[in-house]
Amino acid sequence: MTPKLLSLVADRFKALSDPVRLQILNALRSGEKSVTELINATGCAQANVSKHLQLLHSLGFVARQKEGLYVYYRLNGRETFQLCDIMCGRIEKELKTRQELFG
């Protein structure tokens, strides 16, 4: 991989390293949501949610559609959850190993 490509990949992983952004993506897992619905789902302030949505949109994780006064967001593919499922499986495996070691 070229340095430029590695930088682009790193940018995506950095975006996924924030718990609020993961909460937003998880909330969108069940379908399209308005900003207000995402505020309610995360418990974060509107400005904070909007900032995270802007980044997720700029990196291609979410798509948006404006309808009147409202903006709706949806996942721009489900591949992100494949990564999350792999990591969750890895964490479960590590926990199980630690439990076996420390009884």
PDB file of N, CA and C in Angstrom:
ATOM      1  N   MET A   1       0.834  -1.176   0.000  1.00  0.00           N
ATOM      2  CA  MET A   1       0.000   0.000   0.000  1.00  0.00           C
ATOM      3  C   MET A   1       0.884   1.247   0.000  1.00  0.00           C
ATOM      4  N   THR A   2       0.419   2.237  -0.686  1.00  0.00           N
ATOM      5  CA  THR A   2       1.166   3.494  -0.748  1.00  0.00           C
ATOM      6  C   THR A   2       0.948   4.288   0.546  1.00  0.00           C
ATOM      7  N   PRO A   3       1.847   5.209   0.849  1.00  0.00           N
ATOM      8  CA  PRO A   3       1.653   6.058   2.034  1.00  0.00           C
ATOM      9  C   PRO A   3       0.332   6.836   1.987  1.00  0.00           C
ATOM     10  N   LYS A   4      -0.056   7.291   0.817  1.00  0.00           N
ATOM     11  CA  LYS A   4      -1.313   8.034   0.676  1.00  0.00           C
ATOM     12  C   LYS A   4      -2.517   7.143   1.018  1.00  0.00           C
ATOM     13  N   LEU A   5      -2.506   5.921   0.519  1.00  0.00           N
ATOM     14  CA  LEU A   5      -3.590   4.986   0.803  1.00  0.00           C
ATOM     15  C   LEU A   5      -3.615   4.635   2.293  1.00  0.00           C
ATOM     16  N   LEU A   6      -2.451   4.421   2.889  1.00  0.00           N
ATOM     17  CA  LEU A   6      -2.391   4.133   4.319  1.00  0.00           C
ATOM     18  C   LEU A   6      -2.950   5.294   5.141  1.00  0.00           C
ATOM     19  N   SER A   7      -2.687   6.504   4.701  1.00  0.00           N
ATOM     20  CA  SER A   7      -3.219   7.686   5.386  1.00  0.00           C
ATOM     21  C   SER A   7      -4.743   7.726   5.308  1.00  0.00           C
ATOM     22  N   LEU A   8      -5.297   7.384   4.151  1.00  0.00           N
ATOM     23  CA  LEU A   8      -6.753   7.359   3.990  1.00  0.00           C
ATOM     24  C   LEU A   8      -7.384   6.285   4.876  1.00  0.00           C
ATOM     25  N   VAL A   9      -6.750   5.134   4.952  1.00  0.00           N
ATOM     26  CA  VAL A   9      -7.251   4.057   5.818  1.00  0.00           C
ATOM     27  C   VAL A   9      -7.177   4.501   7.278  1.00  0.00           C
ATOM     28  N   ALA A  10      -6.072   5.114   7.663  1.00  0.00           N
ATOM     29  CA  ALA A  10      -5.909   5.577   9.048  1.00  0.00           C
ATOM     30  C   ALA A  10      -6.982   6.601   9.412  1.00  0.00           C
ATOM     31  N   ASP A  11      -7.325   7.488   8.480  1.00  0.00           N
ATOM     32  CA  ASP A  11      -8.386   8.472   8.729  1.00  0.00           C
ATOM     33  C   ASP A  11      -9.711   7.791   9.052  1.00  0.00           C
ATOM     34  N   ARG A  12     -10.020   6.711   8.349  1.00  0.00           N
ATOM     35  CA  ARG A  12     -11.272   5.987   8.609  1.00  0.00           C
ATOM     36  C   ARG A  12     -11.244   5.312   9.977  1.00  0.00           C
ATOM     37  N   PHE A  13     -10.112   4.706  10.321  1.00  0.00           N
ATOM     38  CA  PHE A  13     -10.006   4.073  11.637  1.00  0.00           C
ATOM     39  C   PHE A  13     -10.064   5.118  12.753  1.00  0.00           C
ATOM     40  N   LYS A  14      -9.470   6.292  12.540  1.00  0.00           N
ATOM     41  CA  LYS A  14      -9.561   7.364  13.532  1.00  0.00           C
ATOM     42  C   LYS A  14     -11.013   7.759  13.752  1.00  0.00           C
ATOM     43  N   ALA A  15     -11.774   7.836  12.677  1.00  0.00           N
ATOM     44  CA  ALA A  15     -13.193   8.197  12.796  1.00  0.00           C
ATOM     45  C   ALA A  15     -13.946   7.168  13.621  1.00  0.00           C
ATOM     46  N   LEU A  16     -13.585   5.906  13.483  1.00  0.00           N
ATOM     47  CA  LEU A  16     -14.253   4.839  14.222  1.00  0.00           C
ATOM     48  C   LEU A  16     -13.744   4.690  15.653  1.00  0.00           C
ATOM     49  N   SER A  17     -12.749   5.477  16.022  1.00  0.00           N
ATOM     50  CA  SER A  17     -12.187   5.353  17.371  1.00  0.00           C
ATOM     51  C   SER A  17     -12.932   6.196  18.403  1.00  0.00           C
ATOM     52  N   ASP A  18     -13.914   6.958  17.978  1.00  0.00           N
ATOM     53  CA  ASP A  18     -14.662   7.808  18.903  1.00  0.00           C
ATOM     54  C   ASP A  18     -15.961   7.131  19.332  1.00  0.00           C
ATOM     55  N   PRO A  19     -16.197   6.969  20.637  1.00  0.00           N
ATOM     56  CA  PRO A  19     -17.413   6.293  21.101  1.00  0.00           C
ATOM     57  C   PRO A  19     -18.720   6.951  20.639  1.00  0.00           C
ATOM     58  N   VAL A  20     -18.745   8.272  20.556  1.00  0.00           N
ATOM     59  CA  VAL A  20     -19.976   8.945  20.110  1.00  0.00           C
ATOM     60  C   VAL A  20     -20.262   8.612  18.650  1.00  0.00           C
ATOM     61  N   ARG A  21     -19.235   8.612  17.829  1.00  0.00           N
ATOM     62  CA  ARG A  21     -19.454   8.261  16.414  1.00  0.00           C
ATOM     63  C   ARG A  21     -19.924   6.814  16.288  1.00  0.00           C
ATOM     64  N   LEU A  22     -19.387   5.931  17.116  1.00  0.00           N
ATOM     65  CA  LEU A  22     -19.856   4.546  17.096  1.00  0.00           C
ATOM     66  C   LEU A  22     -21.304   4.453  17.566  1.00  0.00           C
ATOM     67  N   GLN A  23     -21.681   5.258  18.545  1.00  0.00           N
ATOM     68  CA  GLN A  23     -23.081   5.294  18.986  1.00  0.00           C
ATOM     69  C   GLN A  23     -23.987   5.742  17.845  1.00  0.00           C
ATOM     70  N   ILE A  24     -23.569   6.764  17.126  1.00  0.00           N
ATOM     71  CA  ILE A  24     -24.363   7.270  16.000  1.00  0.00           C
ATOM     72  C   ILE A  24     -24.519   6.181  14.941  1.00  0.00           C
ATOM     73  N   LEU A  25     -23.427   5.551  14.576  1.00  0.00           N
ATOM     74  CA  LEU A  25     -23.486   4.487  13.573  1.00  0.00           C
ATOM     75  C   LEU A  25     -24.364   3.339  14.050  1.00  0.00           C
ATOM     76  N   ASN A  26     -24.258   2.994  15.318  1.00  0.00           N
ATOM     77  CA  ASN A  26     -25.074   1.917  15.863  1.00  0.00           C
ATOM     78  C   ASN A  26     -26.558   2.281  15.825  1.00  0.00           C
ATOM     79  N   ALA A  27     -26.876   3.539  16.131  1.00  0.00           N
ATOM     80  CA  ALA A  27     -28.273   3.987  16.073  1.00  0.00           C
ATOM     81  C   ALA A  27     -28.808   3.909  14.645  1.00  0.00           C
ATOM     82  N   LEU A  28     -27.946   4.155  13.667  1.00  0.00           N
ATOM     83  CA  LEU A  28     -28.365   4.101  12.259  1.00  0.00           C
ATOM     84  C   LEU A  28     -28.459   2.674  11.734  1.00  0.00           C
ATOM     85  N   ARG A  29     -27.983   1.740  12.504  1.00  0.00           N
ATOM     86  CA  ARG A  29     -28.026   0.329  12.100  1.00  0.00           C
ATOM     87  C   ARG A  29     -29.455  -0.128  11.831  1.00  0.00           C
ATOM     88  N   SER A  30     -30.406   0.435  12.593  1.00  0.00           N
ATOM     89  CA  SER A  30     -31.812   0.028  12.435  1.00  0.00           C
ATOM     90  C   SER A  30     -32.539   0.826  11.357  1.00  0.00           C
ATOM     91  N   GLY A  31     -31.865   1.797  10.751  1.00  0.00           N
ATOM     92  CA  GLY A  31     -32.491   2.556   9.665  1.00  0.00           C
ATOM     93  C   GLY A  31     -32.245   4.050   9.778  1.00  0.00           C
ATOM     94  N   GLU A  32     -32.739   4.756   8.784  1.00  0.00           N
ATOM     95  CA  GLU A  32     -32.568   6.198   8.669  1.00  0.00           C
ATOM     96  C   GLU A  32     -33.129   6.932   9.893  1.00  0.00           C
ATOM     97  N   LYS A  33     -32.416   7.989  10.313  1.00  0.00           N
ATOM     98  CA  LYS A  33     -32.847   8.759  11.474  1.00  0.00           C
ATOM     99  C   LYS A  33     -32.592  10.253  11.223  1.00  0.00           C
ATOM    100  N   SER A  34     -33.434  11.059  11.858  1.00  0.00           N
ATOM    101  CA  SER A  34     -33.221  12.511  11.821  1.00  0.00           C
ATOM    102  C   SER A  34     -32.141  12.866  12.836  1.00  0.00           C
ATOM    103  N   VAL A  35     -31.646  14.092  12.750  1.00  0.00           N
ATOM    104  CA  VAL A  35     -30.662  14.556  13.714  1.00  0.00           C
ATOM    105  C   VAL A  35     -31.260  14.516  15.122  1.00  0.00           C
ATOM    106  N   THR A  36     -32.513  14.920  15.253  1.00  0.00           N
ATOM    107  CA  THR A  36     -33.180  14.893  16.559  1.00  0.00           C
ATOM    108  C   THR A  36     -33.220  13.476  17.133  1.00  0.00           C
ATOM    109  N   GLU A  37     -33.525  12.498  16.300  1.00  0.00           N
ATOM    110  CA  GLU A  37     -33.545  11.107  16.762  1.00  0.00           C
ATOM    111  C   GLU A  37     -32.150  10.655  17.196  1.00  0.00           C
ATOM    112  N   LEU A  38     -31.126  11.115  16.488  1.00  0.00           N
ATOM    113  CA  LEU A  38     -29.756  10.749  16.853  1.00  0.00           C
ATOM    114  C   LEU A  38     -29.317  11.445  18.136  1.00  0.00           C
ATOM    115  N   ILE A  39     -29.796  12.659  18.365  1.00  0.00           N
ATOM    116  CA  ILE A  39     -29.525  13.356  19.628  1.00  0.00           C
ATOM    117  C   ILE A  39     -30.128  12.559  20.775  1.00  0.00           C
ATOM    118  N   ASN A  40     -31.371  12.125  20.597  1.00  0.00           N
ATOM    119  CA  ASN A  40     -32.044  11.332  21.628  1.00  0.00           C
ATOM    120  C   ASN A  40     -31.355   9.990  21.845  1.00  0.00           C
ATOM    121  N   ALA A  41     -30.892   9.373  20.780  1.00  0.00           N
ATOM    122  CA  ALA A  41     -30.254   8.054  20.879  1.00  0.00           C
ATOM    123  C   ALA A  41     -28.898   8.122  21.581  1.00  0.00           C
ATOM    124  N   THR A  42     -28.188   9.232  21.406  1.00  0.00           N
ATOM    125  CA  THR A  42     -26.843   9.340  21.978  1.00  0.00           C
ATOM    126  C   THR A  42     -26.803  10.103  23.295  1.00  0.00           C
ATOM    127  N   GLY A  43     -27.800  10.954  23.523  1.00  0.00           N
ATOM    128  CA  GLY A  43     -27.787  11.793  24.717  1.00  0.00           C
ATOM    129  C   GLY A  43     -26.807  12.947  24.618  1.00  0.00           C
ATOM    130  N   CYS A  44     -26.307  13.204  23.424  1.00  0.00           N
ATOM    131  CA  CYS A  44     -25.343  14.285  23.213  1.00  0.00           C
ATOM    132  C   CYS A  44     -26.052  15.554  22.740  1.00  0.00           C
ATOM    133  N   ALA A  45     -25.378  16.671  22.880  1.00  0.00           N
ATOM    134  CA  ALA A  45     -25.909  17.954  22.425  1.00  0.00           C
ATOM    135  C   ALA A  45     -25.963  17.995  20.904  1.00  0.00           C
ATOM    136  N   GLN A  46     -26.854  18.827  20.390  1.00  0.00           N
ATOM    137  CA  GLN A  46     -27.057  18.943  18.945  1.00  0.00           C
ATOM    138  C   GLN A  46     -25.761  19.318  18.225  1.00  0.00           C
ATOM    139  N   ALA A  47     -25.020  20.270  18.771  1.00  0.00           N
ATOM    140  CA  ALA A  47     -23.778  20.703  18.114  1.00  0.00           C
ATOM    141  C   ALA A  47     -22.770  19.556  18.037  1.00  0.00           C
ATOM    142  N   ASN A  48     -22.696  18.759  19.081  1.00  0.00           N
ATOM    143  CA  ASN A  48     -21.773  17.629  19.116  1.00  0.00           C
ATOM    144  C   ASN A  48     -22.165  16.564  18.091  1.00  0.00           C
ATOM    145  N   VAL A  49     -23.450  16.221  18.057  1.00  0.00           N
ATOM    146  CA  VAL A  49     -23.934  15.229  17.092  1.00  0.00           C
ATOM    147  C   VAL A  49     -23.700  15.724  15.668  1.00  0.00           C
ATOM    148  N   SER A  50     -24.001  16.988  15.412  1.00  0.00           N
ATOM    149  CA  SER A  50     -23.814  17.551  14.070  1.00  0.00           C
ATOM    150  C   SER A  50     -22.358  17.506  13.638  1.00  0.00           C
ATOM    151  N   LYS A  51     -21.445  17.814  14.568  1.00  0.00           N
ATOM    152  CA  LYS A  51     -20.010  17.772  14.263  1.00  0.00           C
ATOM    153  C   LYS A  51     -19.594  16.352  13.863  1.00  0.00           C
ATOM    154  N   HIS A  52     -20.045  15.363  14.630  1.00  0.00           N
ATOM    155  CA  HIS A  52     -19.695  13.977  14.330  1.00  0.00           C
ATOM    156  C   HIS A  52     -20.332  13.510  13.024  1.00  0.00           C
ATOM    157  N   LEU A  53     -21.571  13.905  12.777  1.00  0.00           N
ATOM    158  CA  LEU A  53     -22.239  13.534  11.520  1.00  0.00           C
ATOM    159  C   LEU A  53     -21.511  14.118  10.315  1.00  0.00           C
ATOM    160  N   GLN A  54     -21.030  15.349  10.446  1.00  0.00           N
ATOM    161  CA  GLN A  54     -20.297  15.978   9.346  1.00  0.00           C
ATOM    162  C   GLN A  54     -19.058  15.164   8.993  1.00  0.00           C
ATOM    163  N   LEU A  55     -18.324  14.727  10.014  1.00  0.00           N
ATOM    164  CA  LEU A  55     -17.126  13.924   9.767  1.00  0.00           C
ATOM    165  C   LEU A  55     -17.486  12.578   9.157  1.00  0.00           C
ATOM    166  N   LEU A  56     -18.491  11.913   9.732  1.00  0.00           N
ATOM    167  CA  LEU A  56     -18.912  10.617   9.192  1.00  0.00           C
ATOM    168  C   LEU A  56     -19.381  10.735   7.747  1.00  0.00           C
ATOM    169  N   HIS A  57     -20.030  11.836   7.435  1.00  0.00           N
ATOM    170  CA  HIS A  57     -20.482  12.063   6.055  1.00  0.00           C
ATOM    171  C   HIS A  57     -19.294  12.325   5.133  1.00  0.00           C
ATOM    172  N   SER A  58     -18.355  13.156   5.579  1.00  0.00           N
ATOM    173  CA  SER A  58     -17.209  13.495   4.725  1.00  0.00           C
ATOM    174  C   SER A  58     -16.344  12.279   4.414  1.00  0.00           C
ATOM    175  N   LEU A  59     -16.345  11.296   5.316  1.00  0.00           N
ATOM    176  CA  LEU A  59     -15.553  10.079   5.095  1.00  0.00           C
ATOM    177  C   LEU A  59     -16.355   8.963   4.437  1.00  0.00           C
ATOM    178  N   GLY A  60     -17.628   9.225   4.147  1.00  0.00           N
ATOM    179  CA  GLY A  60     -18.431   8.264   3.413  1.00  0.00           C
ATOM    180  C   GLY A  60     -19.121   7.198   4.251  1.00  0.00           C
ATOM    181  N   PHE A  61     -19.110   7.343   5.571  1.00  0.00           N
ATOM    182  CA  PHE A  61     -19.778   6.361   6.417  1.00  0.00           C
ATOM    183  C   PHE A  61     -21.291   6.511   6.385  1.00  0.00           C
ATOM    184  N   VAL A  62     -21.769   7.750   6.241  1.00  0.00           N
ATOM    185  CA  VAL A  62     -23.211   8.002   6.215  1.00  0.00           C
ATOM    186  C   VAL A  62     -23.573   8.860   5.008  1.00  0.00           C
ATOM    187  N   ALA A  63     -24.819   8.700   4.589  1.00  0.00           N
ATOM    188  CA  ALA A  63     -25.393   9.545   3.539  1.00  0.00           C
ATOM    189  C   ALA A  63     -26.478  10.382   4.194  1.00  0.00           C
ATOM    190  N   ARG A  64     -26.790  11.527   3.600  1.00  0.00           N
ATOM    191  CA  ARG A  64     -27.820  12.383   4.174  1.00  0.00           C
ATOM    192  C   ARG A  64     -28.779  12.861   3.104  1.00  0.00           C
ATOM    193  N   GLN A  65     -29.968  13.184   3.576  1.00  0.00           N
ATOM    194  CA  GLN A  65     -31.016  13.673   2.683  1.00  0.00           C
ATOM    195  C   GLN A  65     -31.808  14.734   3.432  1.00  0.00           C
ATOM    196  N   LYS A  66     -31.986  15.878   2.798  1.00  0.00           N
ATOM    197  CA  LYS A  66     -32.739  16.958   3.414  1.00  0.00           C
ATOM    198  C   LYS A  66     -34.180  16.905   2.937  1.00  0.00           C
ATOM    199  N   GLU A  67     -35.101  16.985   3.896  1.00  0.00           N
ATOM    200  CA  GLU A  67     -36.531  17.041   3.600  1.00  0.00           C
ATOM    201  C   GLU A  67     -37.122  18.193   4.382  1.00  0.00           C
ATOM    202  N   GLY A  68     -37.360  19.288   3.707  1.00  0.00           N
ATOM    203  CA  GLY A  68     -37.859  20.477   4.389  1.00  0.00           C
ATOM    204  C   GLY A  68     -36.838  20.983   5.378  1.00  0.00           C
ATOM    205  N   LEU A  69     -37.245  21.107   6.637  1.00  0.00           N
ATOM    206  CA  LEU A  69     -36.357  21.603   7.681  1.00  0.00           C
ATOM    207  C   LEU A  69     -35.490  20.513   8.292  1.00  0.00           C
ATOM    208  N   TYR A  70     -35.753  19.269   7.948  1.00  0.00           N
ATOM    209  CA  TYR A  70     -35.076  18.144   8.587  1.00  0.00           C
ATOM    210  C   TYR A  70     -34.028  17.516   7.677  1.00  0.00           C
ATOM    211  N   VAL A  71     -32.985  17.017   8.308  1.00  0.00           N
ATOM    212  CA  VAL A  71     -31.948  16.268   7.596  1.00  0.00           C
ATOM    213  C   VAL A  71     -31.968  14.859   8.168  1.00  0.00           C
ATOM    214  N   TYR A  72     -32.012  13.889   7.280  1.00  0.00           N
ATOM    215  CA  TYR A  72     -32.044  12.479   7.680  1.00  0.00           C
ATOM    216  C   TYR A  72     -30.733  11.816   7.265  1.00  0.00           C
ATOM    217  N   TYR A  73     -30.230  10.982   8.144  1.00  0.00           N
ATOM    218  CA  TYR A  73     -28.980  10.265   7.899  1.00  0.00           C
ATOM    219  C   TYR A  73     -29.248   8.773   7.849  1.00  0.00           C
ATOM    220  N   ARG A  74     -28.452   8.099   7.031  1.00  0.00           N
ATOM    221  CA  ARG A  74     -28.529   6.642   6.923  1.00  0.00           C
ATOM    222  C   ARG A  74     -27.115   6.117   6.677  1.00  0.00           C
ATOM    223  N   LEU A  75     -26.933   4.853   6.968  1.00  0.00           N
ATOM    224  CA  LEU A  75     -25.638   4.231   6.698  1.00  0.00           C
ATOM    225  C   LEU A  75     -25.383   4.208   5.206  1.00  0.00           C
ATOM    226  N   ASN A  76     -24.152   4.402   4.849  1.00  0.00           N
ATOM    227  CA  ASN A  76     -23.748   4.354   3.446  1.00  0.00           C
ATOM    228  C   ASN A  76     -23.054   3.010   3.196  1.00  0.00           C
ATOM    229  N   GLY A  77     -23.738   1.942   3.584  1.00  0.00           N
ATOM    230  CA  GLY A  77     -23.186   0.594   3.486  1.00  0.00           C
ATOM    231  C   GLY A  77     -23.071  -0.019   4.864  1.00  0.00           C
ATOM    232  N   ARG A  78     -23.060  -1.333   4.931  1.00  0.00           N
ATOM    233  CA  ARG A  78     -23.016  -2.030   6.218  1.00  0.00           C
ATOM    234  C   ARG A  78     -21.629  -2.606   6.525  1.00  0.00           C
ATOM    235  N   GLU A  79     -20.661  -2.286   5.694  1.00  0.00           N
ATOM    236  CA  GLU A  79     -19.320  -2.847   5.872  1.00  0.00           C
ATOM    237  C   GLU A  79     -18.697  -2.484   7.213  1.00  0.00           C
ATOM    238  N   THR A  80     -19.023  -1.308   7.709  1.00  0.00           N
ATOM    239  CA  THR A  80     -18.469  -0.868   8.985  1.00  0.00           C
ATOM    240  C   THR A  80     -18.782  -1.866  10.092  1.00  0.00           C
ATOM    241  N   PHE A  81     -19.985  -2.444  10.053  1.00  0.00           N
ATOM    242  CA  PHE A  81     -20.369  -3.379  11.103  1.00  0.00           C
ATOM    243  C   PHE A  81     -19.647  -4.707  10.976  1.00  0.00           C
ATOM    244  N   GLN A  82     -19.154  -5.035   9.807  1.00  0.00           N
ATOM    245  CA  GLN A  82     -18.315  -6.222   9.686  1.00  0.00           C
ATOM    246  C   GLN A  82     -17.040  -6.014  10.498  1.00  0.00           C
ATOM    247  N   LEU A  83     -16.472  -4.800  10.400  1.00  0.00           N
ATOM    248  CA  LEU A  83     -15.288  -4.478  11.201  1.00  0.00           C
ATOM    249  C   LEU A  83     -15.610  -4.531  12.692  1.00  0.00           C
ATOM    250  N   CYS A  84     -16.742  -3.954  13.074  1.00  0.00           N
ATOM    251  CA  CYS A  84     -17.147  -3.952  14.488  1.00  0.00           C
ATOM    252  C   CYS A  84     -17.374  -5.369  14.996  1.00  0.00           C
ATOM    253  N   ASP A  85     -18.015  -6.204  14.180  1.00  0.00           N
ATOM    254  CA  ASP A  85     -18.267  -7.590  14.583  1.00  0.00           C
ATOM    255  C   ASP A  85     -16.967  -8.360  14.762  1.00  0.00           C
ATOM    256  N   ILE A  86     -15.989  -8.116  13.885  1.00  0.00           N
ATOM    257  CA  ILE A  86     -14.684  -8.760  14.015  1.00  0.00           C
ATOM    258  C   ILE A  86     -14.025  -8.332  15.318  1.00  0.00           C
ATOM    259  N   MET A  87     -14.060  -7.019  15.613  1.00  0.00           N
ATOM    260  CA  MET A  87     -13.425  -6.516  16.829  1.00  0.00           C
ATOM    261  C   MET A  87     -14.146  -7.019  18.077  1.00  0.00           C
ATOM    262  N   CYS A  88     -15.466  -7.050  18.051  1.00  0.00           N
ATOM    263  CA  CYS A  88     -16.220  -7.556  19.202  1.00  0.00           C
ATOM    264  C   CYS A  88     -15.900  -9.031  19.448  1.00  0.00           C
ATOM    265  N   GLY A  89     -15.790  -9.800  18.386  1.00  0.00           N
ATOM    266  CA  GLY A  89     -15.412 -11.211  18.516  1.00  0.00           C
ATOM    267  C   GLY A  89     -14.030 -11.354  19.113  1.00  0.00           C
ATOM    268  N   ARG A  90     -13.132 -10.505  18.696  1.00  0.00           N
ATOM    269  CA  ARG A  90     -11.765 -10.528  19.226  1.00  0.00           C
ATOM    270  C   ARG A  90     -11.753 -10.198  20.713  1.00  0.00           C
ATOM    271  N   ILE A  91     -12.516  -9.183  21.106  1.00  0.00           N
ATOM    272  CA  ILE A  91     -12.585  -8.786  22.518  1.00  0.00           C
ATOM    273  C   ILE A  91     -13.178  -9.909  23.360  1.00  0.00           C
ATOM    274  N   GLU A  92     -14.240 -10.542  22.877  1.00  0.00           N
ATOM    275  CA  GLU A  92     -14.853 -11.669  23.598  1.00  0.00           C
ATOM    276  C   GLU A  92     -13.848 -12.797  23.797  1.00  0.00           C
ATOM    277  N   LYS A  93     -13.084 -13.087  22.751  1.00  0.00           N
ATOM    278  CA  LYS A  93     -12.076 -14.149  22.823  1.00  0.00           C
ATOM    279  C   LYS A  93     -11.004 -13.809  23.857  1.00  0.00           C
ATOM    280  N   GLU A  94     -10.542 -12.549  23.853  1.00  0.00           N
ATOM    281  CA  GLU A  94      -9.537 -12.115  24.820  1.00  0.00           C
ATOM    282  C   GLU A  94     -10.069 -12.211  26.251  1.00  0.00           C
ATOM    283  N   LEU A  95     -11.313 -11.796  26.454  1.00  0.00           N
ATOM    284  CA  LEU A  95     -11.915 -11.867  27.789  1.00  0.00           C
ATOM    285  C   LEU A  95     -12.030 -13.303  28.275  1.00  0.00           C
ATOM    286  N   LYS A  96     -12.419 -14.173  27.371  1.00  0.00           N
ATOM    287  CA  LYS A  96     -12.547 -15.588  27.727  1.00  0.00           C
ATOM    288  C   LYS A  96     -11.187 -16.159  28.120  1.00  0.00           C
ATOM    289  N   THR A  97     -10.157 -15.817  27.369  1.00  0.00           N
ATOM    290  CA  THR A  97      -8.807 -16.288  27.678  1.00  0.00           C
ATOM    291  C   THR A  97      -8.355 -15.772  29.037  1.00  0.00           C
ATOM    292  N   ARG A  98      -8.624 -14.495  29.317  1.00  0.00           N
ATOM    293  CA  ARG A  98      -8.243 -13.914  30.611  1.00  0.00           C
ATOM    294  C   ARG A  98      -9.001 -14.575  31.755  1.00  0.00           C
ATOM    295  N   GLN A  99     -10.273 -14.844  31.538  1.00  0.00           N
ATOM    296  CA  GLN A  99     -11.069 -15.509  32.576  1.00  0.00           C
ATOM    297  C   GLN A  99     -10.528 -16.904  32.865  1.00  0.00           C
ATOM    298  N   GLU A 100     -10.112 -17.605  31.826  1.00  0.00           N
ATOM    299  CA  GLU A 100      -9.554 -18.946  32.005  1.00  0.00           C
ATOM    300  C   GLU A 100      -8.225 -18.873  32.753  1.00  0.00           C
ATOM    301  N   LEU A 101      -7.426 -17.857  32.451  1.00  0.00           N
ATOM    302  CA  LEU A 101      -6.127 -17.712  33.111  1.00  0.00           C
ATOM    303  C   LEU A 101      -6.239 -17.344  34.583  1.00  0.00           C
ATOM    304  N   PHE A 102      -7.210 -16.475  34.877  1.00  0.00           N
ATOM    305  CA  PHE A 102      -7.325 -15.958  36.243  1.00  0.00           C
ATOM    306  C   PHE A 102      -8.470 -16.572  37.032  1.00  0.00           C
ATOM    307  N   GLY A 103      -9.126 -17.565  36.419  1.00  0.00           N
ATOM    308  CA  GLY A 103     -10.153 -18.352  37.070  1.00  0.00           C
ATOM    309  C   GLY A 103     -11.267 -17.569  37.612  1.00  0.00           C
TER     310      GLY A 103
END
